PDB file of N, CA and C in Angstrom:
ATOM      1  N   VAL A   1     108.966  59.926 117.510  1.00  0.00           N
ATOM      2  CA  VAL A   1     107.694  60.616 117.368  1.00  0.00           C
ATOM      3  C   VAL A   1     107.305  60.583 115.896  1.00  0.00           C
ATOM      4  N   TYR A   2     106.093  60.117 115.629  1.00  0.00           N
ATOM      5  CA  TYR A   2     105.564  60.067 114.268  1.00  0.00           C
ATOM      6  C   TYR A   2     104.315  60.930 114.207  1.00  0.00           C
ATOM      7  N   VAL A   3     104.256  61.813 113.215  1.00  0.00           N
ATOM      8  CA  VAL A   3     103.120  62.704 113.041  1.00  0.00           C
ATOM      9  C   VAL A   3     102.440  62.345 111.722  1.00  0.00           C
ATOM     10  N   ALA A   4     101.138  62.082 111.780  1.00  0.00           N
ATOM     11  CA  ALA A   4     100.355  61.751 110.591  1.00  0.00           C
ATOM     12  C   ALA A   4      98.984  62.397 110.723  1.00  0.00           C
ATOM     13  N   ALA A   5      98.207  62.332 109.669  1.00  0.00           N
ATOM     14  CA  ALA A   5      96.870  62.937 109.684  1.00  0.00           C
ATOM     15  C   ALA A   5      96.001  62.349 110.790  1.00  0.00           C
ATOM     16  N   GLU A   6      96.238  61.087 111.166  1.00  0.00           N
ATOM     17  CA  GLU A   6      95.430  60.425 112.199  1.00  0.00           C
ATOM     18  C   GLU A   6      95.793  60.858 113.610  1.00  0.00           C
ATOM     19  N   GLY A   7      97.023  61.330 113.794  1.00  0.00           N
ATOM     20  CA  GLY A   7      97.442  61.742 115.125  1.00  0.00           C
ATOM     21  C   GLY A   7      98.942  61.650 115.309  1.00  0.00           C
ATOM     22  N   VAL A   8      99.359  61.622 116.568  1.00  0.00           N
ATOM     23  CA  VAL A   8     100.772  61.593 116.934  1.00  0.00           C
ATOM     24  C   VAL A   8     101.044  60.275 117.666  1.00  0.00           C
ATOM     25  N   LEU A   9     102.043  59.534 117.183  1.00  0.00           N
ATOM     26  CA  LEU A   9     102.464  58.314 117.855  1.00  0.00           C
ATOM     27  C   LEU A   9     103.809  58.590 118.508  1.00  0.00           C
ATOM     28  N   ILE A  10     103.868  58.362 119.809  1.00  0.00           N
ATOM     29  CA  ILE A  10     105.104  58.577 120.565  1.00  0.00           C
ATOM     30  C   ILE A  10     105.582  57.218 121.043  1.00  0.00           C
ATOM     31  N   GLU A  11     106.712  56.779 120.479  1.00  0.00           N
ATOM     32  CA  GLU A  11     107.311  55.523 120.906  1.00  0.00           C
ATOM     33  C   GLU A  11     108.216  55.818 122.090  1.00  0.00           C
ATOM     34  N   ARG A  12     108.015  55.095 123.194  1.00  0.00           N
ATOM     35  CA  ARG A  12     108.764  55.368 124.417  1.00  0.00           C
ATOM     36  C   ARG A  12     109.533  54.138 124.861  1.00  0.00           C
ATOM     37  N   GLU A  13     110.735  54.372 125.348  1.00  0.00           N
ATOM     38  CA  GLU A  13     111.532  53.290 125.914  1.00  0.00           C
ATOM     39  C   GLU A  13     111.124  53.104 127.374  1.00  0.00           C
ATOM     40  N   GLY A  14     110.889  51.880 127.769  1.00  0.00           N
ATOM     41  CA  GLY A  14     110.558  51.603 129.157  1.00  0.00           C
ATOM     42  C   GLY A  14     109.123  51.885 129.538  1.00  0.00           C
ATOM     43  N   ALA A  15     108.291  52.263 128.568  1.00  0.00           N
ATOM     44  CA  ALA A  15     106.876  52.529 128.835  1.00  0.00           C
ATOM     45  C   ALA A  15     106.092  52.213 127.560  1.00  0.00           C
ATOM     46  N   SER A  16     104.801  52.068 127.702  1.00  0.00           N
ATOM     47  CA  SER A  16     103.954  51.808 126.535  1.00  0.00           C
ATOM     48  C   SER A  16     103.968  53.010 125.601  1.00  0.00           C
ATOM     49  N   ASP A  17     103.850  52.728 124.305  1.00  0.00           N
ATOM     50  CA  ASP A  17     103.742  53.806 123.333  1.00  0.00           C
ATOM     51  C   ASP A  17     102.465  54.595 123.607  1.00  0.00           C
ATOM     52  N   LEU A  18     102.459  55.848 123.168  1.00  0.00           N
ATOM     53  CA  LEU A  18     101.314  56.728 123.377  1.00  0.00           C
ATOM     54  C   LEU A  18     100.832  57.234 122.027  1.00  0.00           C
ATOM     55  N   PHE A  19      99.529  57.128 121.776  1.00  0.00           N
ATOM     56  CA  PHE A  19      98.933  57.680 120.563  1.00  0.00           C
ATOM     57  C   PHE A  19      97.980  58.792 120.954  1.00  0.00           C
ATOM     58  N   ILE A  20      98.164  59.965 120.346  1.00  0.00           N
ATOM     59  CA  ILE A  20      97.268  61.100 120.572  1.00  0.00           C
ATOM     60  C   ILE A  20      96.488  61.307 119.281  1.00  0.00           C
ATOM     61  N   PRO A  21      95.172  61.090 119.287  1.00  0.00           N
ATOM     62  CA  PRO A  21      94.379  61.274 118.077  1.00  0.00           C
ATOM     63  C   PRO A  21      94.401  62.735 117.613  1.00  0.00           C
ATOM     64  N   ALA A  22      94.349  62.935 116.315  1.00  0.00           N
ATOM     65  CA  ALA A  22      94.425  64.283 115.740  1.00  0.00           C
ATOM     66  C   ALA A  22      93.379  65.220 116.337  1.00  0.00           C
ATOM     67  N   GLU A  23      92.162  64.724 116.518  1.00  0.00           N
ATOM     68  CA  GLU A  23      91.086  65.593 117.014  1.00  0.00           C
ATOM     69  C   GLU A  23      91.292  66.003 118.469  1.00  0.00           C
ATOM     70  N   ALA A  24      92.193  65.338 119.179  1.00  0.00           N
ATOM     71  CA  ALA A  24      92.454  65.663 120.584  1.00  0.00           C
ATOM     72  C   ALA A  24      93.504  66.761 120.752  1.00  0.00           C
ATOM     73  N   VAL A  25      94.329  66.998 119.732  1.00  0.00           N
ATOM     74  CA  VAL A  25      95.416  67.982 119.836  1.00  0.00           C
ATOM     75  C   VAL A  25      94.828  69.387 119.898  1.00  0.00           C
ATOM     76  N   ARG A  26      95.231  70.140 120.922  1.00  0.00           N
ATOM     77  CA  ARG A  26      94.735  71.507 121.116  1.00  0.00           C
ATOM     78  C   ARG A  26      95.783  72.568 120.801  1.00  0.00           C
ATOM     79  N   SER A  27      97.033  72.330 121.187  1.00  0.00           N
ATOM     80  CA  SER A  27      98.079  73.318 120.930  1.00  0.00           C
ATOM     81  C   SER A  27      99.442  72.670 121.050  1.00  0.00           C
ATOM     82  N   VAL A  28     100.441  73.405 120.613  1.00  0.00           N
ATOM     83  CA  VAL A  28     101.829  72.975 120.740  1.00  0.00           C
ATOM     84  C   VAL A  28     102.633  74.200 121.144  1.00  0.00           C
ATOM     85  N   ARG A  29     103.611  73.998 122.014  1.00  0.00           N
ATOM     86  CA  ARG A  29     104.442  75.129 122.418  1.00  0.00           C
ATOM     87  C   ARG A  29     105.851  74.643 122.721  1.00  0.00           C
ATOM     88  N   LEU A  30     106.770  75.565 122.683  1.00  0.00           N
ATOM     89  CA  LEU A  30     108.148  75.290 123.071  1.00  0.00           C
ATOM     90  C   LEU A  30     108.318  75.702 124.515  1.00  0.00           C
ATOM     91  N   ALA A  31     109.100  74.936 125.257  1.00  0.00           N
ATOM     92  CA  ALA A  31     109.297  75.237 126.668  1.00  0.00           C
ATOM     93  C   ALA A  31     110.714  74.855 127.081  1.00  0.00           C
ATOM     94  N   THR A  32     111.114  75.377 128.226  1.00  0.00           N
ATOM     95  CA  THR A  32     112.409  75.002 128.792  1.00  0.00           C
ATOM     96  C   THR A  32     112.271  73.853 129.779  1.00  0.00           C
ATOM     97  N   GLY A  33     111.038  73.527 130.149  1.00  0.00           N
ATOM     98  CA  GLY A  33     110.857  72.422 131.067  1.00  0.00           C
ATOM     99  C   GLY A  33     109.421  72.270 131.511  1.00  0.00           C
ATOM    100  N   MET A  34     109.200  71.191 132.275  1.00  0.00           N
ATOM    101  CA  MET A  34     107.888  70.945 132.873  1.00  0.00           C
ATOM    102  C   MET A  34     108.061  69.888 133.956  1.00  0.00           C
ATOM    103  N   ALA A  35     107.162  69.857 134.903  1.00  0.00           N
ATOM    104  CA  ALA A  35     107.152  68.871 135.989  1.00  0.00           C
ATOM    105  C   ALA A  35     108.481  68.808 136.729  1.00  0.00           C
ATOM    106  N   GLY A  36     109.090  69.979 136.951  1.00  0.00           N
ATOM    107  CA  GLY A  36     110.313  70.042 137.737  1.00  0.00           C
ATOM    108  C   GLY A  36     111.591  69.686 137.011  1.00  0.00           C
ATOM    109  N   LYS A  37     111.520  69.435 135.699  1.00  0.00           N
ATOM    110  CA  LYS A  37     112.715  69.135 134.917  1.00  0.00           C
ATOM    111  C   LYS A  37     112.913  70.251 133.894  1.00  0.00           C
ATOM    112  N   TYR A  38     114.119  70.795 133.863  1.00  0.00           N
ATOM    113  CA  TYR A  38     114.373  71.959 133.025  1.00  0.00           C
ATOM    114  C   TYR A  38     115.574  71.763 132.123  1.00  0.00           C
ATOM    115  N   LEU A  39     115.498  72.392 130.949  1.00  0.00           N
ATOM    116  CA  LEU A  39     116.566  72.370 129.962  1.00  0.00           C
ATOM    117  C   LEU A  39     117.178  73.761 129.885  1.00  0.00           C
ATOM    118  N   ARG A  40     118.324  73.879 129.267  1.00  0.00           N
ATOM    119  CA  ARG A  40     118.966  75.192 129.136  1.00  0.00           C
ATOM    120  C   ARG A  40     118.290  76.077 128.104  1.00  0.00           C
ATOM    121  N   ASP A  41     117.699  75.470 127.097  1.00  0.00           N
ATOM    122  CA  ASP A  41     117.043  76.257 126.046  1.00  0.00           C
ATOM    123  C   ASP A  41     115.633  75.719 125.835  1.00  0.00           C
ATOM    124  N   GLU A  42     114.906  76.313 124.914  1.00  0.00           N
ATOM    125  CA  GLU A  42     113.542  75.871 124.640  1.00  0.00           C
ATOM    126  C   GLU A  42     113.567  74.664 123.715  1.00  0.00           C
ATOM    127  N   GLY A  43     114.102  73.562 124.188  1.00  0.00           N
ATOM    128  CA  GLY A  43     114.224  72.362 123.397  1.00  0.00           C
ATOM    129  C   GLY A  43     113.157  71.330 123.688  1.00  0.00           C
ATOM    130  N   LEU A  44     112.174  71.699 124.476  1.00  0.00           N
ATOM    131  CA  LEU A  44     111.095  70.791 124.822  1.00  0.00           C
ATOM    132  C   LEU A  44     109.846  71.198 124.043  1.00  0.00           C
ATOM    133  N   VAL A  45     109.241  70.228 123.349  1.00  0.00           N
ATOM    134  CA  VAL A  45     107.998  70.473 122.621  1.00  0.00           C
ATOM    135  C   VAL A  45     106.863  69.942 123.495  1.00  0.00           C
ATOM    136  N   VAL A  46     105.918  70.802 123.843  1.00  0.00           N
ATOM    137  CA  VAL A  46     104.801  70.418 124.704  1.00  0.00           C
ATOM    138  C   VAL A  46     103.525  70.398 123.866  1.00  0.00           C
ATOM    139  N   VAL A  47     102.892  69.231 123.815  1.00  0.00           N
ATOM    140  CA  VAL A  47     101.628  69.067 123.104  1.00  0.00           C
ATOM    141  C   VAL A  47     100.511  69.063 124.142  1.00  0.00           C
ATOM    142  N   THR A  48      99.565  69.977 123.994  1.00  0.00           N
ATOM    143  CA  THR A  48      98.390  70.020 124.863  1.00  0.00           C
ATOM    144  C   THR A  48      97.264  69.315 124.128  1.00  0.00           C
ATOM    145  N   TRP A  49      96.602  68.369 124.819  1.00  0.00           N
ATOM    146  CA  TRP A  49      95.565  67.584 124.173  1.00  0.00           C
ATOM    147  C   TRP A  49      94.488  67.178 125.166  1.00  0.00           C
ATOM    148  N   ARG A  50      93.344  66.784 124.632  1.00  0.00           N
ATOM    149  CA  ARG A  50      92.197  66.389 125.454  1.00  0.00           C
ATOM    150  C   ARG A  50      92.080  64.881 125.490  1.00  0.00           C
ATOM    151  N   HIS A  51      91.810  64.356 126.685  1.00  0.00           N
ATOM    152  CA  HIS A  51      91.527  62.928 126.879  1.00  0.00           C
ATOM    153  C   HIS A  51      90.304  62.872 127.771  1.00  0.00           C
ATOM    154  N   GLY A  52      89.166  62.592 127.174  1.00  0.00           N
ATOM    155  CA  GLY A  52      87.913  62.644 127.932  1.00  0.00           C
ATOM    156  C   GLY A  52      87.652  64.067 128.369  1.00  0.00           C
ATOM    157  N   ASP A  53      87.454  64.269 129.672  1.00  0.00           N
ATOM    158  CA  ASP A  53      87.205  65.618 130.180  1.00  0.00           C
ATOM    159  C   ASP A  53      88.471  66.279 130.730  1.00  0.00           C
ATOM    160  N   ARG A  54      89.631  65.669 130.470  1.00  0.00           N
ATOM    161  CA  ARG A  54      90.899  66.209 130.972  1.00  0.00           C
ATOM    162  C   ARG A  54      91.711  66.848 129.855  1.00  0.00           C
ATOM    163  N   THR A  55      92.416  67.908 130.203  1.00  0.00           N
ATOM    164  CA  THR A  55      93.386  68.514 129.307  1.00  0.00           C
ATOM    165  C   THR A  55      94.765  68.125 129.825  1.00  0.00           C
ATOM    166  N   LEU A  56      95.564  67.547 128.955  1.00  0.00           N
ATOM    167  CA  LEU A  56      96.876  67.031 129.335  1.00  0.00           C
ATOM    168  C   LEU A  56      97.983  67.720 128.549  1.00  0.00           C
ATOM    169  N   ASP A  57      99.155  67.814 129.155  1.00  0.00           N
ATOM    170  CA  ASP A  57     100.362  68.273 128.472  1.00  0.00           C
ATOM    171  C   ASP A  57     101.322  67.105 128.396  1.00  0.00           C
ATOM    172  N   THR A  58     101.844  66.846 127.213  1.00  0.00           N
ATOM    173  CA  THR A  58     102.853  65.817 127.019  1.00  0.00           C
ATOM    174  C   THR A  58     104.101  66.492 126.478  1.00  0.00           C
ATOM    175  N   GLY A  59     105.202  66.361 127.211  1.00  0.00           N
ATOM    176  CA  GLY A  59     106.459  66.983 126.812  1.00  0.00           C
ATOM    177  C   GLY A  59     107.316  66.015 126.017  1.00  0.00           C
ATOM    178  N   LEU A  60     107.865  66.508 124.918  1.00  0.00           N
ATOM    179  CA  LEU A  60     108.704  65.698 124.041  1.00  0.00           C
ATOM    180  C   LEU A  60     110.058  66.364 123.891  1.00  0.00           C
ATOM    181  N   LYS A  61     111.096  65.612 124.090  1.00  0.00           N
ATOM    182  CA  LYS A  61     112.455  66.107 123.867  1.00  0.00           C
ATOM    183  C   LYS A  61     113.041  65.278 122.728  1.00  0.00           C
ATOM    184  N   PRO A  62     112.780  65.720 121.483  1.00  0.00           N
ATOM    185  CA  PRO A  62     113.302  64.932 120.364  1.00  0.00           C
ATOM    186  C   PRO A  62     114.831  64.982 120.322  1.00  0.00           C
ATOM    187  N   ARG A  63     115.420  63.889 119.930  1.00  0.00           N
ATOM    188  CA  ARG A  63     116.878  63.849 119.815  1.00  0.00           C
ATOM    189  C   ARG A  63     117.353  64.776 118.718  1.00  0.00           C
ATOM    190  N   PHE A  64     116.572  64.868 117.666  1.00  0.00           N
ATOM    191  CA  PHE A  64     116.896  65.726 116.533  1.00  0.00           C
ATOM    192  C   PHE A  64     115.619  66.394 116.056  1.00  0.00           C
ATOM    193  N   GLY A  65     115.745  67.574 115.498  1.00  0.00           N
ATOM    194  CA  GLY A  65     114.639  68.171 114.772  1.00  0.00           C
ATOM    195  C   GLY A  65     113.508  68.767 115.573  1.00  0.00           C
ATOM    196  N   THR A  66     113.811  69.510 116.627  1.00  0.00           N
ATOM    197  CA  THR A  66     112.747  70.164 117.386  1.00  0.00           C
ATOM    198  C   THR A  66     111.903  71.060 116.486  1.00  0.00           C
ATOM    199  N   ASP A  67     112.554  71.874 115.655  1.00  0.00           N
ATOM    200  CA  ASP A  67     111.821  72.772 114.760  1.00  0.00           C
ATOM    201  C   ASP A  67     110.974  71.993 113.755  1.00  0.00           C
ATOM    202  N   GLU A  68     111.510  70.897 113.238  1.00  0.00           N
ATOM    203  CA  GLU A  68     110.769  70.080 112.282  1.00  0.00           C
ATOM    204  C   GLU A  68     109.535  69.460 112.926  1.00  0.00           C
ATOM    205  N   LEU A  69     109.666  69.031 114.181  1.00  0.00           N
ATOM    206  CA  LEU A  69     108.528  68.455 114.892  1.00  0.00           C
ATOM    207  C   LEU A  69     107.444  69.500 115.096  1.00  0.00           C
ATOM    208  N   VAL A  70     107.826  70.697 115.503  1.00  0.00           N
ATOM    209  CA  VAL A  70     106.848  71.772 115.700  1.00  0.00           C
ATOM    210  C   VAL A  70     106.137  72.078 114.386  1.00  0.00           C
ATOM    211  N   ARG A  71     106.880  72.193 113.291  1.00  0.00           N
ATOM    212  CA  ARG A  71     106.255  72.483 111.988  1.00  0.00           C
ATOM    213  C   ARG A  71     105.299  71.370 111.575  1.00  0.00           C
ATOM    214  N   ALA A  72     105.675  70.116 111.802  1.00  0.00           N
ATOM    215  CA  ALA A  72     104.796  68.998 111.443  1.00  0.00           C
ATOM    216  C   ALA A  72     103.509  69.034 112.264  1.00  0.00           C
ATOM    217  N   LEU A  73     103.626  69.299 113.550  1.00  0.00           N
ATOM    218  CA  LEU A  73     102.434  69.389 114.403  1.00  0.00           C
ATOM    219  C   LEU A  73     101.539  70.542 113.968  1.00  0.00           C
ATOM    220  N   GLU A  74     102.141  71.686 113.677  1.00  0.00           N
ATOM    221  CA  GLU A  74     101.356  72.845 113.238  1.00  0.00           C
ATOM    222  C   GLU A  74     100.605  72.545 111.947  1.00  0.00           C
ATOM    223  N   SER A  75     101.285  71.963 110.986  1.00  0.00           N
ATOM    224  CA  SER A  75     100.653  71.749 109.682  1.00  0.00           C
ATOM    225  C   SER A  75      99.605  70.633 109.706  1.00  0.00           C
ATOM    226  N   HIS A  76      99.818  69.583 110.472  1.00  0.00           N
ATOM    227  CA  HIS A  76      98.869  68.473 110.500  1.00  0.00           C
ATOM    228  C   HIS A  76      97.618  68.775 111.321  1.00  0.00           C
ATOM    229  N   PHE A  77      97.757  69.589 112.358  1.00  0.00           N
ATOM    230  CA  PHE A  77      96.648  69.752 113.291  1.00  0.00           C
ATOM    231  C   PHE A  77      96.120  71.174 113.392  1.00  0.00           C
ATOM    232  N   ALA A  78      96.538  72.045 112.487  1.00  0.00           N
ATOM    233  CA  ALA A  78      96.041  73.425 112.442  1.00  0.00           C
ATOM    234  C   ALA A  78      96.156  74.118 113.792  1.00  0.00           C
ATOM    235  N   VAL A  79      97.306  73.945 114.443  1.00  0.00           N
ATOM    236  CA  VAL A  79      97.597  74.646 115.688  1.00  0.00           C
ATOM    237  C   VAL A  79      98.845  75.479 115.458  1.00  0.00           C
ATOM    238  N   SER A  80      99.012  76.505 116.247  1.00  0.00           N
ATOM    239  CA  SER A  80     100.196  77.337 116.160  1.00  0.00           C
ATOM    240  C   SER A  80     101.038  77.153 117.396  1.00  0.00           C
ATOM    241  N   ALA A  81     102.335  77.093 117.195  1.00  0.00           N
ATOM    242  CA  ALA A  81     103.244  76.981 118.332  1.00  0.00           C
ATOM    243  C   ALA A  81     103.324  78.319 119.022  1.00  0.00           C
ATOM    244  N   THR A  82     103.260  78.289 120.318  1.00  0.00           N
ATOM    245  CA  THR A  82     103.427  79.503 121.107  1.00  0.00           C
ATOM    246  C   THR A  82     104.681  79.351 121.917  1.00  0.00           C
ATOM    247  N   GLU A  83     105.439  80.402 121.991  1.00  0.00           N
ATOM    248  CA  GLU A  83     106.668  80.350 122.770  1.00  0.00           C
ATOM    249  C   GLU A  83     106.366  80.719 124.204  1.00  0.00           C
ATOM    250  N   ARG A  84     107.114  80.155 125.091  1.00  0.00           N
ATOM    251  CA  ARG A  84     106.969  80.430 126.515  1.00  0.00           C
ATOM    252  C   ARG A  84     107.331  81.887 126.763  1.00  0.00           C
ATOM    253  N   PRO A  85     106.519  82.612 127.514  1.00  0.00           N
ATOM    254  CA  PRO A  85     106.835  84.015 127.799  1.00  0.00           C
ATOM    255  C   PRO A  85     108.163  84.151 128.523  1.00  0.00           C
ATOM    256  N   SER A  86     108.872  85.223 128.242  1.00  0.00           N
ATOM    257  CA  SER A  86     110.142  85.495 128.925  1.00  0.00           C
ATOM    258  C   SER A  86     109.882  85.846 130.377  1.00  0.00           C
ATOM    259  N   SER A  87     110.812  85.460 131.246  1.00  0.00           N
ATOM    260  CA  SER A  87     110.633  85.814 132.663  1.00  0.00           C
ATOM    261  C   SER A  87     111.290  87.119 132.961  1.00  0.00           C
TER     262      SER A  87
END
């Protein structure tokens, strides 16, 4: 995952890379899972973004540096990370 002023580039194995333009990023949050896949802790970074008239969530499980990724997203795109509410 690369974060720059222009947007977020997500390099994926087995699929095409994904670029999210900076102006499309709406929010970032930590989560334990999405789409039926769950982790033991809040190690999943979820980026909410707009593509045309759709709002999409893209989940990222960085190998290293979850906190660093959240801070980079917050600082580059003026969004605040929200934590998933406790159950």
